[in-house]
Amino acid sequence: MAGGSRRDEAVAKRRCFNCQMITNHLSRDCPLPRAERCIGCGVGGHRLAECPRQQNTGATCMKQDIRVNGENVKAYLDTGSEQNLMSLATARRLGLTITADDEGKIL
């Protein structure tokens, strides 16, 4: 955002940080569910694909519908990555085998 951050604008206009409504409630008291946060920077209001803090490494990241164990799953495919990641909840929902390495990291 040119000329200031989204937070600065929210404070100036007395907007709730969660719902962005001009109101007198604080984000912790917001009646709406918490907004999703970017997994790249932890800030709400955008997703990893639109994250302004992520550097363009020349690799391509695209959102695709893929099939895993016969179920459709939305996935971000990163052609520059050596690993594929998913949440533990998604892995369980898909019925994938979940194991841990010697250090306890989930594989």
C-alpha atoms as a PDB file:
ATOM      1  CA  MET A   1       0.000   0.000   0.000  1.00  0.00           C
ATOM      2  CA  ALA A   2       1.590   3.269  -1.097  1.00  0.00           C
ATOM      3  CA  GLY A   3       2.052   5.920   1.572  1.00  0.00           C
ATOM      4  CA  GLY A   4       1.410   3.721   4.609  1.00  0.00           C
ATOM      5  CA  SER A   5       0.692   0.293   5.885  1.00  0.00           C
ATOM      6  CA  ARG A   6      -2.663  -1.417   6.084  1.00  0.00           C
ATOM      7  CA  ARG A   7      -2.332  -1.312   9.874  1.00  0.00           C
ATOM      8  CA  ASP A   8      -1.721   2.458   9.881  1.00  0.00           C
ATOM      9  CA  GLU A   9      -4.802   2.982   7.728  1.00  0.00           C
ATOM     10  CA  ALA A  10      -6.898   0.753  10.009  1.00  0.00           C
ATOM     11  CA  VAL A  11      -5.787   2.706  13.091  1.00  0.00           C
ATOM     12  CA  ALA A  12      -6.452   6.078  11.435  1.00  0.00           C
ATOM     13  CA  LYS A  13      -9.955   5.081  10.315  1.00  0.00           C
ATOM     14  CA  ARG A  14     -10.700   3.107  13.526  1.00  0.00           C
ATOM     15  CA  ARG A  15     -11.120  -0.133  11.596  1.00  0.00           C
ATOM     16  CA  CYS A  16     -11.183  -3.550  13.213  1.00  0.00           C
ATOM     17  CA  PHE A  17      -7.945  -5.346  12.216  1.00  0.00           C
ATOM     18  CA  ASN A  18      -9.903  -8.564  11.646  1.00  0.00           C
ATOM     19  CA  CYS A  19     -13.025  -7.567   9.669  1.00  0.00           C
ATOM     20  CA  GLN A  20     -11.756  -4.174   8.415  1.00  0.00           C
ATOM     21  CA  MET A  21     -15.129  -2.579   9.280  1.00  0.00           C
ATOM     22  CA  ILE A  22     -15.148   0.989  10.596  1.00  0.00           C
ATOM     23  CA  THR A  23     -16.413   0.234  14.076  1.00  0.00           C
ATOM     24  CA  ASN A  24     -15.694   0.649  17.748  1.00  0.00           C
ATOM     25  CA  HIS A  25     -14.848  -2.990  18.557  1.00  0.00           C
ATOM     26  CA  LEU A  26     -11.334  -4.369  18.839  1.00  0.00           C
ATOM     27  CA  SER A  27     -10.212  -7.312  16.733  1.00  0.00           C
ATOM     28  CA  ARG A  28     -10.212  -9.585  19.805  1.00  0.00           C
ATOM     29  CA  ASP A  29     -13.941  -8.776  20.237  1.00  0.00           C
ATOM     30  CA  CYS A  30     -14.808  -9.091  16.539  1.00  0.00           C
ATOM     31  CA  PRO A  31     -17.939 -11.206  15.963  1.00  0.00           C
ATOM     32  CA  LEU A  32     -16.561 -12.545  12.676  1.00  0.00           C
ATOM     33  CA  PRO A  33     -14.175 -15.515  12.491  1.00  0.00           C
ATOM     34  CA  ARG A  34     -10.479 -14.664  12.441  1.00  0.00           C
ATOM     35  CA  ALA A  35      -9.163 -13.851   8.984  1.00  0.00           C
ATOM     36  CA  GLU A  36      -6.711 -16.335   7.502  1.00  0.00           C
ATOM     37  CA  ARG A  37      -3.072 -15.369   7.734  1.00  0.00           C
ATOM     38  CA  CYS A  38      -0.351 -15.705   5.127  1.00  0.00           C
ATOM     39  CA  ILE A  39       1.849 -18.747   5.811  1.00  0.00           C
ATOM     40  CA  GLY A  40       4.851 -16.817   4.470  1.00  0.00           C
ATOM     41  CA  CYS A  41       4.821 -13.788   6.772  1.00  0.00           C
ATOM     42  CA  GLY A  42       2.028 -14.463   9.284  1.00  0.00           C
ATOM     43  CA  VAL A  43       0.108 -11.298   8.372  1.00  0.00           C
ATOM     44  CA  GLY A  44      -3.614 -11.450   7.608  1.00  0.00           C
ATOM     45  CA  GLY A  45      -5.341 -10.066   4.550  1.00  0.00           C
ATOM     46  CA  HIS A  46      -3.460 -11.940   1.852  1.00  0.00           C
ATOM     47  CA  ARG A  47      -2.259 -15.418   0.960  1.00  0.00           C
ATOM     48  CA  LEU A  48       1.255 -16.658   0.263  1.00  0.00           C
ATOM     49  CA  ALA A  49       0.847 -16.205  -3.506  1.00  0.00           C
ATOM     50  CA  GLU A  50       0.209 -12.460  -2.992  1.00  0.00           C
ATOM     51  CA  CYS A  51       2.686 -11.941  -0.138  1.00  0.00           C
ATOM     52  CA  PRO A  52       4.620  -8.686  -0.630  1.00  0.00           C
ATOM     53  CA  ARG A  53       7.455  -9.952   1.601  1.00  0.00           C
ATOM     54  CA  GLN A  54       8.234 -13.010  -0.506  1.00  0.00           C
ATOM     55  CA  GLN A  55      11.060 -12.589  -2.986  1.00  0.00           C
ATOM     56  CA  ASN A  56      10.624 -13.771  -6.550  1.00  0.00           C
ATOM     57  CA  THR A  57      13.200 -16.518  -7.022  1.00  0.00           C
ATOM     58  CA  GLY A  58      12.239 -17.210 -10.610  1.00  0.00           C
ATOM     59  CA  ALA A  59      10.416 -20.389  -9.633  1.00  0.00           C
ATOM     60  CA  THR A  60       6.745 -20.616 -10.455  1.00  0.00           C
ATOM     61  CA  CYS A  61       4.121 -21.120  -7.776  1.00  0.00           C
ATOM     62  CA  MET A  62       0.612 -21.810  -8.968  1.00  0.00           C
ATOM     63  CA  LYS A  63      -2.619 -22.940  -7.381  1.00  0.00           C
ATOM     64  CA  GLN A  64      -3.971 -26.164  -8.847  1.00  0.00           C
ATOM     65  CA  ASP A  65      -6.696 -28.687  -8.149  1.00  0.00           C
ATOM     66  CA  ILE A  66      -5.021 -32.067  -7.702  1.00  0.00           C
ATOM     67  CA  ARG A  67      -6.270 -35.555  -6.820  1.00  0.00           C
ATOM     68  CA  VAL A  68      -4.836 -37.419  -3.844  1.00  0.00           C
ATOM     69  CA  ASN A  69      -6.243 -40.840  -2.968  1.00  0.00           C
ATOM     70  CA  GLY A  70      -9.276 -40.083  -5.139  1.00  0.00           C
ATOM     71  CA  GLU A  71     -10.076 -36.743  -3.463  1.00  0.00           C
ATOM     72  CA  ASN A  72      -9.772 -33.278  -4.990  1.00  0.00           C
ATOM     73  CA  VAL A  73      -7.413 -31.000  -3.075  1.00  0.00           C
ATOM     74  CA  LYS A  74      -6.440 -27.392  -3.793  1.00  0.00           C
ATOM     75  CA  ALA A  75      -2.663 -27.125  -3.720  1.00  0.00           C
ATOM     76  CA  TYR A  76       0.071 -24.585  -4.306  1.00  0.00           C
ATOM     77  CA  LEU A  77       2.640 -26.147  -6.596  1.00  0.00           C
ATOM     78  CA  ASP A  78       6.104 -24.606  -6.356  1.00  0.00           C
ATOM     79  CA  THR A  79       8.344 -25.681  -9.213  1.00  0.00           C
ATOM     80  CA  GLY A  80      11.428 -24.449  -7.338  1.00  0.00           C
ATOM     81  CA  SER A  81      10.795 -26.466  -4.191  1.00  0.00           C
ATOM     82  CA  GLU A  82      12.321 -29.806  -3.291  1.00  0.00           C
ATOM     83  CA  GLN A  83       9.474 -30.620  -0.878  1.00  0.00           C
ATOM     84  CA  ASN A  84       5.697 -30.718  -0.952  1.00  0.00           C
ATOM     85  CA  LEU A  85       3.883 -29.636   2.196  1.00  0.00           C
ATOM     86  CA  MET A  86       0.367 -30.002   3.543  1.00  0.00           C
ATOM     87  CA  SER A  87      -1.306 -29.568   6.883  1.00  0.00           C
ATOM     88  CA  LEU A  88      -1.523 -32.503   9.253  1.00  0.00           C
ATOM     89  CA  ALA A  89      -5.331 -32.198   9.158  1.00  0.00           C
ATOM     90  CA  THR A  90      -5.333 -32.522   5.354  1.00  0.00           C
ATOM     91  CA  ALA A  91      -3.020 -35.547   5.469  1.00  0.00           C
ATOM     92  CA  ARG A  92      -5.321 -37.239   7.975  1.00  0.00           C
ATOM     93  CA  ARG A  93      -8.445 -36.377   5.946  1.00  0.00           C
ATOM     94  CA  LEU A  94      -6.834 -37.935   2.868  1.00  0.00           C
ATOM     95  CA  GLY A  95      -5.924 -41.086   4.784  1.00  0.00           C
ATOM     96  CA  LEU A  96      -2.188 -40.671   4.189  1.00  0.00           C
ATOM     97  CA  THR A  97       0.366 -42.578   6.252  1.00  0.00           C
ATOM     98  CA  ILE A  98       1.938 -40.197   8.745  1.00  0.00           C
ATOM     99  CA  THR A  99       5.385 -41.048  10.108  1.00  0.00           C
ATOM    100  CA  ALA A 100       8.113 -39.191  11.988  1.00  0.00           C
ATOM    101  CA  ASP A 101      11.874 -39.184  11.512  1.00  0.00           C
ATOM    102  CA  ASP A 102      14.456 -39.730  14.286  1.00  0.00           C
ATOM    103  CA  GLU A 103      14.116 -36.087  15.383  1.00  0.00           C
ATOM    104  CA  GLY A 104      10.328 -36.313  15.650  1.00  0.00           C
ATOM    105  CA  LYS A 105       9.663 -34.313  12.484  1.00  0.00           C
ATOM    106  CA  ILE A 106       6.533 -35.456  10.676  1.00  0.00           C
ATOM    107  CA  LEU A 107       7.205 -36.877   7.218  1.00  0.00           C
END
